[in-house]
Protein backbone atom coordinates (compact mmCIF):
# COMPACT_ATOMS: atom_id res chain seq x y z
CA MET A 1 89.94 100.23 113.68
CA ILE A 2 89.12 100.33 109.89
CA THR A 3 88.36 103.55 107.79
CA ALA A 4 86.52 102.85 104.83
CA ALA A 5 86.58 105.96 102.35
CA THR A 6 83.81 106.12 99.95
CA ARG A 7 81.85 108.52 97.72
CA GLN A 8 78.94 105.89 98.55
CA LEU A 9 78.88 106.93 102.25
CA ASP A 10 74.87 105.97 103.15
CA TRP A 11 75.49 102.70 101.31
CA ALA A 12 78.85 101.95 103.51
CA ARG A 13 77.17 102.90 106.52
CA ALA A 14 74.17 100.62 105.95
CA GLN A 15 76.72 97.57 105.81
CA ASN A 16 77.28 97.83 109.56
CA TRP A 17 80.55 96.52 109.36
CA SER A 18 82.16 96.07 112.85
CA ASN A 19 85.17 97.93 113.87
CA THR A 20 84.71 100.24 110.92
CA GLN A 21 84.33 103.90 110.27
CA CYS A 22 83.12 105.25 107.16
CA CYS A 23 84.00 108.60 105.61
CA TYR A 24 83.12 110.66 102.72
CA VAL A 25 85.77 110.94 100.05
CA ASP A 26 85.98 111.54 96.56
CA LEU A 27 89.51 111.06 95.03
CA LEU A 28 88.95 113.54 92.26
CA ALA A 29 88.40 116.36 94.54
CA ALA A 30 91.65 116.72 96.53
CA LYS A 31 90.01 118.48 99.24
CA THR A 32 88.13 115.63 100.59
CA LEU A 33 91.25 113.95 101.42
CA ASN A 34 92.32 116.71 104.01
CA ASN A 35 93.05 114.66 107.45
CA ILE A 36 91.77 111.61 106.04
CA MET A 37 95.31 109.85 106.25
CA THR A 38 95.35 110.65 110.12
CA ASN A 39 96.22 107.59 112.12
CA ILE A 40 96.10 105.23 109.02
CA ASP A 41 98.81 102.49 108.92
CA ILE A 42 98.03 100.72 105.65
CA VAL A 43 96.37 102.14 102.71
CA TYR A 44 94.35 99.68 100.24
CA PHE A 45 94.09 101.46 97.07
CA LEU A 46 91.01 99.90 95.18
CA VAL A 47 89.61 102.54 92.83
CA HIS A 48 88.16 102.60 89.58
CA SER A 49 86.09 105.34 88.05
CA MET A 50 83.29 103.17 86.86
CA ALA A 51 80.93 106.21 85.96
CA ALA A 52 83.55 107.93 83.85
CA ASN A 53 82.89 108.25 80.09
CA ASN A 54 85.45 109.84 78.01
CA ASN A 55 88.23 110.58 80.35
CA LEU A 56 88.51 107.08 82.29
CA ILE A 57 92.17 107.18 82.27
CA GLU A 58 92.86 110.95 83.23
CA GLN A 59 90.58 110.54 86.14
CA GLU A 60 92.32 107.34 87.37
CA CYS A 61 95.43 109.19 87.10
CA LEU A 62 94.09 112.54 88.88
CA ALA A 63 92.77 110.07 91.93
CA ALA A 64 96.13 108.56 92.20
CA LEU A 65 97.94 111.58 92.07
CA ASN A 66 95.73 113.05 94.88
CA VAL A 67 96.45 110.21 96.96
CA LYS A 68 100.06 110.39 96.38
CA ASN A 69 100.04 114.24 97.44
CA VAL A 70 98.29 113.28 100.75
CA LEU A 71 100.51 110.31 101.52
CA LYS A 72 103.63 112.56 101.37
CA HIS A 73 102.46 114.25 104.41
CA SER A 74 101.19 111.13 106.22
CA GLN A 75 102.44 108.35 108.48
CA VAL A 76 101.06 105.63 106.38
CA LYS A 77 103.55 102.99 106.44
CA GLN A 78 102.45 101.06 103.28
CA VAL A 79 100.30 101.02 100.50
CA ILE A 80 98.52 97.92 98.89
CA TYR A 81 97.27 98.75 95.32
CA LEU A 82 94.90 96.37 93.95
CA SER A 83 94.40 96.13 90.26
CA ALA A 84 92.60 93.97 87.82
CA LEU A 85 93.86 91.21 85.40
CA GLN A 86 93.04 91.16 81.84
CA ASN A 87 93.45 88.95 79.13
CA HIS A 88 96.32 89.77 76.70
CA CYS A 89 94.26 90.48 73.82
CA CYS A 90 91.52 92.35 75.25
CA HIS A 91 92.19 95.69 76.59
CA SER A 92 89.35 97.91 77.79
CA GLN A 93 89.69 101.59 78.85
CA HIS A 94 88.53 100.67 82.47
CA LEU A 95 91.30 97.87 82.91
CA ILE A 96 94.06 99.83 81.05
CA SER A 97 93.37 102.76 83.65
């Protein structure tokens, strides 16, 4: 079983992915992470605060710290961090985060 955690819960459920349960999570609100890592073996961390304006990097750090804190008390065996590549001469705030 796959658990898809998202702020876009209606959209995720509408995808009708097989063998997938969708749940609401806002990584900036730590309380939404309570009990989410139960019976999870692997976490794929693909998160970008697309809607953030001036504090993108701070929000990305907060999201990562909230997940880290939950992982400390979980049985998760592996975290796969998915990021982005960028050209060495063009550093957008989005990709820096």
